[in-house]
Amino acid sequence: MLIRIVRLTFAPEHVPAFLRIFQESEHQIRQMPGCRFLELWQDADQPQVYCTHSHWESAEALNAYRRSALFGQVWPATKALFAAPPLAFSVQPAALPPVPGA
């Protein structure tokens, strides 16, 4: 599994437009092959900062979404609203050895 977090910063006047884009595309993104989870977080201290948090079956599934027509519509519309470059993190849960006695 691949976990993806993208931090997005908007000018305050662009937040409503971003929220509209997210609401209009959320269901479609969740239906993409390989998408297991998607939610939106708002920074408690900076209300113009949001993070998308998604889980994908694999890097290939995420990349397929990023090549899709849906992404081709959502990303440019969202990118036009940015007040700062996005920060993106993709991580895979580490396989840890069992804890003795647990």
PDB file of N, CA and C in Angstrom:
ATOM      1  N   MET A   1       0.841  -1.175   0.000  1.00  0.00           N
ATOM      2  CA  MET A   1       0.000   0.000   0.000  1.00  0.00           C
ATOM      3  C   MET A   1       0.887   1.239   0.000  1.00  0.00           C
ATOM      4  N   LEU A   2       0.394   2.292  -0.648  1.00  0.00           N
ATOM      5  CA  LEU A   2       1.090   3.567  -0.710  1.00  0.00           C
ATOM      6  C   LEU A   2       0.185   4.623  -0.083  1.00  0.00           C
ATOM      7  N   ILE A   3       0.727   5.380   0.852  1.00  0.00           N
ATOM      8  CA  ILE A   3      -0.009   6.471   1.486  1.00  0.00           C
ATOM      9  C   ILE A   3       0.516   7.772   0.893  1.00  0.00           C
ATOM     10  N   ARG A   4      -0.392   8.625   0.488  1.00  0.00           N
ATOM     11  CA  ARG A   4      -0.020   9.886  -0.163  1.00  0.00           C
ATOM     12  C   ARG A   4      -0.639  11.050   0.612  1.00  0.00           C
ATOM     13  N   ILE A   5       0.194  12.004   0.999  1.00  0.00           N
ATOM     14  CA  ILE A   5      -0.263  13.224   1.657  1.00  0.00           C
ATOM     15  C   ILE A   5       0.262  14.395   0.838  1.00  0.00           C
ATOM     16  N   VAL A   6      -0.646  15.291   0.470  1.00  0.00           N
ATOM     17  CA  VAL A   6      -0.275  16.470  -0.302  1.00  0.00           C
ATOM     18  C   VAL A   6      -0.769  17.699   0.455  1.00  0.00           C
ATOM     19  N   ARG A   7       0.178  18.583   0.809  1.00  0.00           N
ATOM     20  CA  ARG A   7      -0.141  19.829   1.524  1.00  0.00           C
ATOM     21  C   ARG A   7      -0.346  20.931   0.494  1.00  0.00           C
ATOM     22  N   LEU A   8      -1.524  21.556   0.557  1.00  0.00           N
ATOM     23  CA  LEU A   8      -1.920  22.572  -0.404  1.00  0.00           C
ATOM     24  C   LEU A   8      -2.206  23.879   0.331  1.00  0.00           C
ATOM     25  N   THR A   9      -1.604  24.968  -0.123  1.00  0.00           N
ATOM     26  CA  THR A   9      -1.812  26.275   0.494  1.00  0.00           C
ATOM     27  C   THR A   9      -2.474  27.202  -0.515  1.00  0.00           C
ATOM     28  N   PHE A  10      -3.560  27.835  -0.081  1.00  0.00           N
ATOM     29  CA  PHE A  10      -4.340  28.704  -0.952  1.00  0.00           C
ATOM     30  C   PHE A  10      -4.414  30.111  -0.371  1.00  0.00           C
ATOM     31  N   ALA A  11      -4.608  31.088  -1.237  1.00  0.00           N
ATOM     32  CA  ALA A  11      -4.973  32.417  -0.762  1.00  0.00           C
ATOM     33  C   ALA A  11      -6.368  32.266  -0.143  1.00  0.00           C
ATOM     34  N   PRO A  12      -6.655  32.969   0.945  1.00  0.00           N
ATOM     35  CA  PRO A  12      -7.963  32.796   1.599  1.00  0.00           C
ATOM     36  C   PRO A  12      -9.154  32.930   0.650  1.00  0.00           C
ATOM     37  N   GLU A  13      -9.069  33.819  -0.306  1.00  0.00           N
ATOM     38  CA  GLU A  13     -10.204  34.005  -1.217  1.00  0.00           C
ATOM     39  C   GLU A  13     -10.374  32.839  -2.200  1.00  0.00           C
ATOM     40  N   HIS A  14      -9.370  31.957  -2.306  1.00  0.00           N
ATOM     41  CA  HIS A  14      -9.463  30.815  -3.214  1.00  0.00           C
ATOM     42  C   HIS A  14      -9.924  29.524  -2.524  1.00  0.00           C
ATOM     43  N   VAL A  15     -10.028  29.548  -1.205  1.00  0.00           N
ATOM     44  CA  VAL A  15     -10.444  28.347  -0.474  1.00  0.00           C
ATOM     45  C   VAL A  15     -11.814  27.847  -0.933  1.00  0.00           C
ATOM     46  N   PRO A  16     -12.832  28.703  -1.077  1.00  0.00           N
ATOM     47  CA  PRO A  16     -14.139  28.179  -1.521  1.00  0.00           C
ATOM     48  C   PRO A  16     -14.073  27.487  -2.893  1.00  0.00           C
ATOM     49  N   ALA A  17     -13.285  28.017  -3.807  1.00  0.00           N
ATOM     50  CA  ALA A  17     -13.158  27.383  -5.128  1.00  0.00           C
ATOM     51  C   ALA A  17     -12.499  26.014  -4.998  1.00  0.00           C
ATOM     52  N   PHE A  18     -11.460  25.903  -4.174  1.00  0.00           N
ATOM     53  CA  PHE A  18     -10.810  24.608  -3.966  1.00  0.00           C
ATOM     54  C   PHE A  18     -11.788  23.612  -3.357  1.00  0.00           C
ATOM     55  N   LEU A  19     -12.519  24.033  -2.332  1.00  0.00           N
ATOM     56  CA  LEU A  19     -13.464  23.113  -1.682  1.00  0.00           C
ATOM     57  C   LEU A  19     -14.521  22.639  -2.669  1.00  0.00           C
ATOM     58  N   ARG A  20     -14.956  23.493  -3.561  1.00  0.00           N
ATOM     59  CA  ARG A  20     -15.928  23.102  -4.589  1.00  0.00           C
ATOM     60  C   ARG A  20     -15.314  22.052  -5.526  1.00  0.00           C
ATOM     61  N   ILE A  21     -14.075  22.280  -5.960  1.00  0.00           N
ATOM     62  CA  ILE A  21     -13.392  21.314  -6.835  1.00  0.00           C
ATOM     63  C   ILE A  21     -13.265  19.965  -6.132  1.00  0.00           C
ATOM     64  N   PHE A  22     -12.853  19.985  -4.869  1.00  0.00           N
ATOM     65  CA  PHE A  22     -12.686  18.734  -4.126  1.00  0.00           C
ATOM     66  C   PHE A  22     -14.029  18.009  -3.992  1.00  0.00           C
ATOM     67  N   GLN A  23     -15.066  18.732  -3.617  1.00  0.00           N
ATOM     68  CA  GLN A  23     -16.378  18.100  -3.442  1.00  0.00           C
ATOM     69  C   GLN A  23     -16.895  17.516  -4.751  1.00  0.00           C
ATOM     70  N   GLU A  24     -16.649  18.188  -5.857  1.00  0.00           N
ATOM     71  CA  GLU A  24     -17.125  17.711  -7.149  1.00  0.00           C
ATOM     72  C   GLU A  24     -16.363  16.492  -7.655  1.00  0.00           C
ATOM     73  N   SER A  25     -15.121  16.324  -7.221  1.00  0.00           N
ATOM     74  CA  SER A  25     -14.296  15.231  -7.741  1.00  0.00           C
ATOM     75  C   SER A  25     -14.047  14.105  -6.738  1.00  0.00           C
ATOM     76  N   GLU A  26     -14.369  14.322  -5.478  1.00  0.00           N
ATOM     77  CA  GLU A  26     -14.054  13.345  -4.430  1.00  0.00           C
ATOM     78  C   GLU A  26     -14.595  11.951  -4.738  1.00  0.00           C
ATOM     79  N   HIS A  27     -15.852  11.848  -5.081  1.00  0.00           N
ATOM     80  CA  HIS A  27     -16.451  10.539  -5.343  1.00  0.00           C
ATOM     81  C   HIS A  27     -15.771   9.844  -6.527  1.00  0.00           C
ATOM     82  N   GLN A  28     -15.481  10.601  -7.576  1.00  0.00           N
ATOM     83  CA  GLN A  28     -14.831  10.021  -8.751  1.00  0.00           C
ATOM     84  C   GLN A  28     -13.420   9.526  -8.419  1.00  0.00           C
ATOM     85  N   ILE A  29     -12.692  10.279  -7.623  1.00  0.00           N
ATOM     86  CA  ILE A  29     -11.339   9.854  -7.239  1.00  0.00           C
ATOM     87  C   ILE A  29     -11.417   8.563  -6.428  1.00  0.00           C
ATOM     88  N   ARG A  30     -12.363   8.503  -5.491  1.00  0.00           N
ATOM     89  CA  ARG A  30     -12.524   7.294  -4.660  1.00  0.00           C
ATOM     90  C   ARG A  30     -12.859   6.062  -5.499  1.00  0.00           C
ATOM     91  N   GLN A  31     -13.468   6.278  -6.663  1.00  0.00           N
ATOM     92  CA  GLN A  31     -13.845   5.177  -7.545  1.00  0.00           C
ATOM     93  C   GLN A  31     -12.715   4.749  -8.479  1.00  0.00           C
ATOM     94  N   MET A  32     -11.602   5.474  -8.484  1.00  0.00           N
ATOM     95  CA  MET A  32     -10.481   5.120  -9.356  1.00  0.00           C
ATOM     96  C   MET A  32      -9.922   3.762  -8.933  1.00  0.00           C
ATOM     97  N   PRO A  33      -9.548   2.913  -9.892  1.00  0.00           N
ATOM     98  CA  PRO A  33      -8.957   1.623  -9.534  1.00  0.00           C
ATOM     99  C   PRO A  33      -7.733   1.822  -8.637  1.00  0.00           C
ATOM    100  N   GLY A  34      -7.728   1.121  -7.531  1.00  0.00           N
ATOM    101  CA  GLY A  34      -6.584   1.169  -6.627  1.00  0.00           C
ATOM    102  C   GLY A  34      -6.691   2.186  -5.513  1.00  0.00           C
ATOM    103  N   CYS A  35      -7.694   3.079  -5.557  1.00  0.00           N
ATOM    104  CA  CYS A  35      -7.864   4.049  -4.471  1.00  0.00           C
ATOM    105  C   CYS A  35      -8.635   3.364  -3.348  1.00  0.00           C
ATOM    106  N   ARG A  36      -8.017   3.289  -2.182  1.00  0.00           N
ATOM    107  CA  ARG A  36      -8.652   2.635  -1.046  1.00  0.00           C
ATOM    108  C   ARG A  36      -9.231   3.634  -0.054  1.00  0.00           C
ATOM    109  N   PHE A  37      -8.730   4.872  -0.071  1.00  0.00           N
ATOM    110  CA  PHE A  37      -9.118   5.836   0.966  1.00  0.00           C
ATOM    111  C   PHE A  37      -8.785   7.233   0.479  1.00  0.00           C
ATOM    112  N   LEU A  38      -9.635   8.195   0.795  1.00  0.00           N
ATOM    113  CA  LEU A  38      -9.368   9.594   0.467  1.00  0.00           C
ATOM    114  C   LEU A  38     -10.093  10.471   1.466  1.00  0.00           C
ATOM    115  N   GLU A  39      -9.368  11.419   2.038  1.00  0.00           N
ATOM    116  CA  GLU A  39     -10.013  12.412   2.881  1.00  0.00           C
ATOM    117  C   GLU A  39      -9.254  13.728   2.783  1.00  0.00           C
ATOM    118  N   LEU A  40      -9.889  14.781   3.261  1.00  0.00           N
ATOM    119  CA  LEU A  40      -9.313  16.118   3.229  1.00  0.00           C
ATOM    120  C   LEU A  40      -9.169  16.609   4.657  1.00  0.00           C
ATOM    121  N   TRP A  41      -7.994  17.143   4.979  1.00  0.00           N
ATOM    122  CA  TRP A  41      -7.740  17.720   6.296  1.00  0.00           C
ATOM    123  C   TRP A  41      -7.539  19.215   6.152  1.00  0.00           C
ATOM    124  N   GLN A  42      -7.978  19.986   7.135  1.00  0.00           N
ATOM    125  CA  GLN A  42      -7.712  21.418   7.185  1.00  0.00           C
ATOM    126  C   GLN A  42      -6.784  21.676   8.365  1.00  0.00           C
ATOM    127  N   ASP A  43      -5.746  22.477   8.145  1.00  0.00           N
ATOM    128  CA  ASP A  43      -4.798  22.817   9.197  1.00  0.00           C
ATOM    129  C   ASP A  43      -5.523  23.639  10.267  1.00  0.00           C
ATOM    130  N   ALA A  44      -5.413  23.230  11.515  1.00  0.00           N
ATOM    131  CA  ALA A  44      -6.113  23.908  12.606  1.00  0.00           C
ATOM    132  C   ALA A  44      -5.569  25.313  12.859  1.00  0.00           C
ATOM    133  N   ASP A  45      -4.301  25.547  12.546  1.00  0.00           N
ATOM    134  CA  ASP A  45      -3.684  26.848  12.800  1.00  0.00           C
ATOM    135  C   ASP A  45      -3.661  27.756  11.577  1.00  0.00           C
ATOM    136  N   GLN A  46      -3.764  27.172  10.401  1.00  0.00           N
ATOM    137  CA  GLN A  46      -3.714  27.932   9.151  1.00  0.00           C
ATOM    138  C   GLN A  46      -4.888  27.491   8.276  1.00  0.00           C
ATOM    139  N   PRO A  47      -6.033  28.155   8.400  1.00  0.00           N
ATOM    140  CA  PRO A  47      -7.239  27.679   7.715  1.00  0.00           C
ATOM    141  C   PRO A  47      -7.180  27.707   6.190  1.00  0.00           C
ATOM    142  N   GLN A  48      -6.175  28.310   5.604  1.00  0.00           N
ATOM    143  CA  GLN A  48      -6.037  28.291   4.147  1.00  0.00           C
ATOM    144  C   GLN A  48      -5.152  27.128   3.687  1.00  0.00           C
ATOM    145  N   VAL A  49      -4.705  26.289   4.628  1.00  0.00           N
ATOM    146  CA  VAL A  49      -3.863  25.141   4.305  1.00  0.00           C
ATOM    147  C   VAL A  49      -4.677  23.857   4.478  1.00  0.00           C
ATOM    148  N   TYR A  50      -4.632  23.023   3.441  1.00  0.00           N
ATOM    149  CA  TYR A  50      -5.338  21.745   3.439  1.00  0.00           C
ATOM    150  C   TYR A  50      -4.357  20.639   3.071  1.00  0.00           C
ATOM    151  N   CYS A  51      -4.684  19.433   3.471  1.00  0.00           N
ATOM    152  CA  CYS A  51      -3.916  18.256   3.056  1.00  0.00           C
ATOM    153  C   CYS A  51      -4.893  17.217   2.539  1.00  0.00           C
ATOM    154  N   THR A  52      -4.542  16.638   1.404  1.00  0.00           N
ATOM    155  CA  THR A  52      -5.271  15.467   0.959  1.00  0.00           C
ATOM    156  C   THR A  52      -4.512  14.258   1.488  1.00  0.00           C
ATOM    157  N   HIS A  53      -5.242  13.281   1.962  1.00  0.00           N
ATOM    158  CA  HIS A  53      -4.674  12.062   2.533  1.00  0.00           C
ATOM    159  C   HIS A  53      -5.344  10.908   1.805  1.00  0.00           C
ATOM    160  N   SER A  54      -4.542  10.139   1.073  1.00  0.00           N
ATOM    161  CA  SER A  54      -5.113   9.034   0.308  1.00  0.00           C
ATOM    162  C   SER A  54      -4.262   7.779   0.462  1.00  0.00           C
ATOM    163  N   HIS A  55      -4.914   6.637   0.288  1.00  0.00           N
ATOM    164  CA  HIS A  55      -4.242   5.337   0.306  1.00  0.00           C
ATOM    165  C   HIS A  55      -4.483   4.692  -1.052  1.00  0.00           C
ATOM    166  N   TRP A  56      -3.423   4.166  -1.631  1.00  0.00           N
ATOM    167  CA  TRP A  56      -3.477   3.526  -2.947  1.00  0.00           C
ATOM    168  C   TRP A  56      -2.915   2.119  -2.833  1.00  0.00           C
ATOM    169  N   GLU A  57      -3.453   1.205  -3.610  1.00  0.00           N
ATOM    170  CA  GLU A  57      -2.972  -0.179  -3.584  1.00  0.00           C
ATOM    171  C   GLU A  57      -1.500  -0.272  -3.920  1.00  0.00           C
ATOM    172  N   SER A  58      -1.035   0.625  -4.801  1.00  0.00           N
ATOM    173  CA  SER A  58       0.363   0.573  -5.233  1.00  0.00           C
ATOM    174  C   SER A  58       0.742   1.910  -5.870  1.00  0.00           C
ATOM    175  N   ALA A  59       2.024   2.081  -6.091  1.00  0.00           N
ATOM    176  CA  ALA A  59       2.505   3.270  -6.814  1.00  0.00           C
ATOM    177  C   ALA A  59       1.939   3.274  -8.227  1.00  0.00           C
ATOM    178  N   GLU A  60       1.774   2.102  -8.812  1.00  0.00           N
ATOM    179  CA  GLU A  60       1.225   2.010 -10.164  1.00  0.00           C
ATOM    180  C   GLU A  60      -0.214   2.527 -10.204  1.00  0.00           C
ATOM    181  N   ALA A  61      -1.005   2.207  -9.175  1.00  0.00           N
ATOM    182  CA  ALA A  61      -2.389   2.682  -9.118  1.00  0.00           C
ATOM    183  C   ALA A  61      -2.424   4.210  -8.993  1.00  0.00           C
ATOM    184  N   LEU A  62      -1.565   4.765  -8.155  1.00  0.00           N
ATOM    185  CA  LEU A  62      -1.493   6.225  -8.028  1.00  0.00           C
ATOM    186  C   LEU A  62      -1.065   6.856  -9.343  1.00  0.00           C
ATOM    187  N   ASN A  63      -0.073   6.281  -9.979  1.00  0.00           N
ATOM    188  CA  ASN A  63       0.399   6.832 -11.254  1.00  0.00           C
ATOM    189  C   ASN A  63      -0.674   6.730 -12.345  1.00  0.00           C
ATOM    190  N   ALA A  64      -1.466   5.660 -12.319  1.00  0.00           N
ATOM    191  CA  ALA A  64      -2.563   5.537 -13.288  1.00  0.00           C
ATOM    192  C   ALA A  64      -3.580   6.657 -13.069  1.00  0.00           C
ATOM    193  N   TYR A  65      -3.886   6.965 -11.815  1.00  0.00           N
ATOM    194  CA  TYR A  65      -4.779   8.092 -11.531  1.00  0.00           C
ATOM    195  C   TYR A  65      -4.163   9.392 -12.036  1.00  0.00           C
ATOM    196  N   ARG A  66      -2.875   9.576 -11.806  1.00  0.00           N
ATOM    197  CA  ARG A  66      -2.214  10.818 -12.215  1.00  0.00           C
ATOM    198  C   ARG A  66      -2.136  10.971 -13.735  1.00  0.00           C
ATOM    199  N   ARG A  67      -2.308   9.865 -14.469  1.00  0.00           N
ATOM    200  CA  ARG A  67      -2.351   9.915 -15.938  1.00  0.00           C
ATOM    201  C   ARG A  67      -3.785  10.000 -16.461  1.00  0.00           C
ATOM    202  N   SER A  68      -4.758   9.943 -15.576  1.00  0.00           N
ATOM    203  CA  SER A  68      -6.160   9.878 -15.998  1.00  0.00           C
ATOM    204  C   SER A  68      -6.696  11.243 -16.445  1.00  0.00           C
ATOM    205  N   ALA A  69      -7.792  11.186 -17.185  1.00  0.00           N
ATOM    206  CA  ALA A  69      -8.475  12.410 -17.615  1.00  0.00           C
ATOM    207  C   ALA A  69      -8.997  13.185 -16.408  1.00  0.00           C
ATOM    208  N   LEU A  70      -9.441  12.473 -15.377  1.00  0.00           N
ATOM    209  CA  LEU A  70      -9.938  13.140 -14.173  1.00  0.00           C
ATOM    210  C   LEU A  70      -8.840  13.997 -13.540  1.00  0.00           C
ATOM    211  N   PHE A  71      -7.662  13.416 -13.347  1.00  0.00           N
ATOM    212  CA  PHE A  71      -6.546  14.181 -12.794  1.00  0.00           C
ATOM    213  C   PHE A  71      -6.212  15.348 -13.713  1.00  0.00           C
ATOM    214  N   GLY A  72      -6.295  15.130 -15.013  1.00  0.00           N
ATOM    215  CA  GLY A  72      -6.018  16.178 -15.985  1.00  0.00           C
ATOM    216  C   GLY A  72      -6.970  17.360 -15.879  1.00  0.00           C
ATOM    217  N   GLN A  73      -8.128  17.161 -15.274  1.00  0.00           N
ATOM    218  CA  GLN A  73      -9.076  18.248 -15.035  1.00  0.00           C
ATOM    219  C   GLN A  73      -8.882  18.845 -13.642  1.00  0.00           C
ATOM    220  N   VAL A  74      -8.758  17.978 -12.632  1.00  0.00           N
ATOM    221  CA  VAL A  74      -8.710  18.427 -11.239  1.00  0.00           C
ATOM    222  C   VAL A  74      -7.416  19.172 -10.923  1.00  0.00           C
ATOM    223  N   TRP A  75      -6.288  18.612 -11.327  1.00  0.00           N
ATOM    224  CA  TRP A  75      -5.008  19.201 -10.934  1.00  0.00           C
ATOM    225  C   TRP A  75      -4.793  20.608 -11.496  1.00  0.00           C
ATOM    226  N   PRO A  76      -4.984  20.869 -12.775  1.00  0.00           N
ATOM    227  CA  PRO A  76      -4.788  22.234 -13.269  1.00  0.00           C
ATOM    228  C   PRO A  76      -5.724  23.250 -12.600  1.00  0.00           C
ATOM    229  N   ALA A  77      -6.969  22.857 -12.357  1.00  0.00           N
ATOM    230  CA  ALA A  77      -7.918  23.772 -11.706  1.00  0.00           C
ATOM    231  C   ALA A  77      -7.486  24.079 -10.279  1.00  0.00           C
ATOM    232  N   THR A  78      -6.984  23.065  -9.576  1.00  0.00           N
ATOM    233  CA  THR A  78      -6.513  23.259  -8.205  1.00  0.00           C
ATOM    234  C   THR A  78      -5.219  24.053  -8.200  1.00  0.00           C
ATOM    235  N   LYS A  79      -4.311  23.697  -9.060  1.00  0.00           N
ATOM    236  CA  LYS A  79      -3.000  24.355  -9.132  1.00  0.00           C
ATOM    237  C   LYS A  79      -3.136  25.854  -9.384  1.00  0.00           C
ATOM    238  N   ALA A  80      -4.131  26.255 -10.142  1.00  0.00           N
ATOM    239  CA  ALA A  80      -4.339  27.676 -10.449  1.00  0.00           C
ATOM    240  C   ALA A  80      -4.687  28.484  -9.197  1.00  0.00           C
ATOM    241  N   LEU A  81      -5.083  27.809  -8.121  1.00  0.00           N
ATOM    242  CA  LEU A  81      -5.505  28.490  -6.891  1.00  0.00           C
ATOM    243  C   LEU A  81      -4.406  28.566  -5.828  1.00  0.00           C
ATOM    244  N   PHE A  82      -3.262  27.940  -6.070  1.00  0.00           N
ATOM    245  CA  PHE A  82      -2.211  27.865  -5.049  1.00  0.00           C
ATOM    246  C   PHE A  82      -1.628  29.221  -4.691  1.00  0.00           C
ATOM    247  N   ALA A  83      -1.328  29.396  -3.396  1.00  0.00           N
ATOM    248  CA  ALA A  83      -0.587  30.557  -2.909  1.00  0.00           C
ATOM    249  C   ALA A  83       0.873  30.180  -2.663  1.00  0.00           C
ATOM    250  N   ALA A  84       1.159  28.884  -2.636  1.00  0.00           N
ATOM    251  CA  ALA A  84       2.523  28.370  -2.428  1.00  0.00           C
ATOM    252  C   ALA A  84       2.606  27.013  -3.113  1.00  0.00           C
ATOM    253  N   PRO A  85       3.819  26.592  -3.488  1.00  0.00           N
ATOM    254  CA  PRO A  85       3.949  25.265  -4.102  1.00  0.00           C
ATOM    255  C   PRO A  85       3.482  24.167  -3.142  1.00  0.00           C
ATOM    256  N   PRO A  86       2.864  23.126  -3.676  1.00  0.00           N
ATOM    257  CA  PRO A  86       2.422  22.025  -2.818  1.00  0.00           C
ATOM    258  C   PRO A  86       3.613  21.205  -2.314  1.00  0.00           C
ATOM    259  N   LEU A  87       3.408  20.549  -1.200  1.00  0.00           N
ATOM    260  CA  LEU A  87       4.382  19.590  -0.666  1.00  0.00           C
ATOM    261  C   LEU A  87       3.714  18.226  -0.700  1.00  0.00           C
ATOM    262  N   ALA A  88       4.367  17.256  -1.315  1.00  0.00           N
ATOM    263  CA  ALA A  88       3.772  15.930  -1.448  1.00  0.00           C
ATOM    264  C   ALA A  88       4.692  14.881  -0.844  1.00  0.00           C
ATOM    265  N   PHE A  89       4.073  13.931  -0.158  1.00  0.00           N
ATOM    266  CA  PHE A  89       4.799  12.827   0.446  1.00  0.00           C
ATOM    267  C   PHE A  89       4.101  11.530   0.077  1.00  0.00           C
ATOM    268  N   SER A  90       4.866  10.561  -0.381  1.00  0.00           N
ATOM    269  CA  SER A  90       4.357   9.221  -0.625  1.00  0.00           C
ATOM    270  C   SER A  90       5.171   8.280   0.244  1.00  0.00           C
ATOM    271  N   VAL A  91       4.487   7.508   1.067  1.00  0.00           N
ATOM    272  CA  VAL A  91       5.177   6.595   1.978  1.00  0.00           C
ATOM    273  C   VAL A  91       4.522   5.224   1.927  1.00  0.00           C
ATOM    274  N   GLN A  92       5.319   4.223   2.227  1.00  0.00           N
ATOM    275  CA  GLN A  92       4.811   2.866   2.344  1.00  0.00           C
ATOM    276  C   GLN A  92       5.015   2.415   3.780  1.00  0.00           C
ATOM    277  N   PRO A  93       3.994   1.803   4.376  1.00  0.00           N
ATOM    278  CA  PRO A  93       4.175   1.293   5.728  1.00  0.00           C
ATOM    279  C   PRO A  93       5.340   0.300   5.761  1.00  0.00           C
ATOM    280  N   ALA A  94       6.186   0.447   6.748  1.00  0.00           N
ATOM    281  CA  ALA A  94       7.345  -0.429   6.880  1.00  0.00           C
ATOM    282  C   ALA A  94       6.930  -1.757   7.507  1.00  0.00           C
ATOM    283  N   ALA A  95       7.556  -2.819   7.041  1.00  0.00           N
ATOM    284  CA  ALA A  95       7.344  -4.131   7.639  1.00  0.00           C
ATOM    285  C   ALA A  95       8.298  -4.253   8.815  1.00  0.00           C
ATOM    286  N   LEU A  96       7.765  -4.194  10.006  1.00  0.00           N
ATOM    287  CA  LEU A  96       8.581  -4.263  11.208  1.00  0.00           C
ATOM    288  C   LEU A  96       8.622  -5.702  11.736  1.00  0.00           C
ATOM    289  N   PRO A  97       9.751  -6.082  12.330  1.00  0.00           N
ATOM    290  CA  PRO A  97       9.802  -7.427  12.905  1.00  0.00           C
ATOM    291  C   PRO A  97       8.874  -7.509  14.110  1.00  0.00           C
ATOM    292  N   PRO A  98       8.403  -8.699  14.430  1.00  0.00           N
ATOM    293  CA  PRO A  98       7.504  -8.853  15.584  1.00  0.00           C
ATOM    294  C   PRO A  98       8.215  -8.446  16.872  1.00  0.00           C
ATOM    295  N   VAL A  99       7.435  -7.890  17.787  1.00  0.00           N
ATOM    296  CA  VAL A  99       7.969  -7.497  19.089  1.00  0.00           C
ATOM    297  C   VAL A  99       7.961  -8.730  19.986  1.00  0.00           C
ATOM    298  N   PRO A 100       9.131  -9.093  20.532  1.00  0.00           N
ATOM    299  CA  PRO A 100       9.179 -10.274  21.410  1.00  0.00           C
ATOM    300  C   PRO A 100       8.226 -10.100  22.612  1.00  0.00           C
ATOM    301  N   GLY A 101       7.488 -11.132  22.914  1.00  0.00           N
ATOM    302  CA  GLY A 101       6.594 -11.131  24.063  1.00  0.00           C
ATOM    303  C   GLY A 101       5.281 -10.420  23.822  1.00  0.00           C
ATOM    304  N   ALA A 102       5.045  -9.950  22.596  1.00  0.00           N
ATOM    305  CA  ALA A 102       3.778  -9.225  22.348  1.00  0.00           C
ATOM    306  C   ALA A 102       2.707 -10.180  21.917  1.00  0.00           C
TER     307      ALA A 102
END
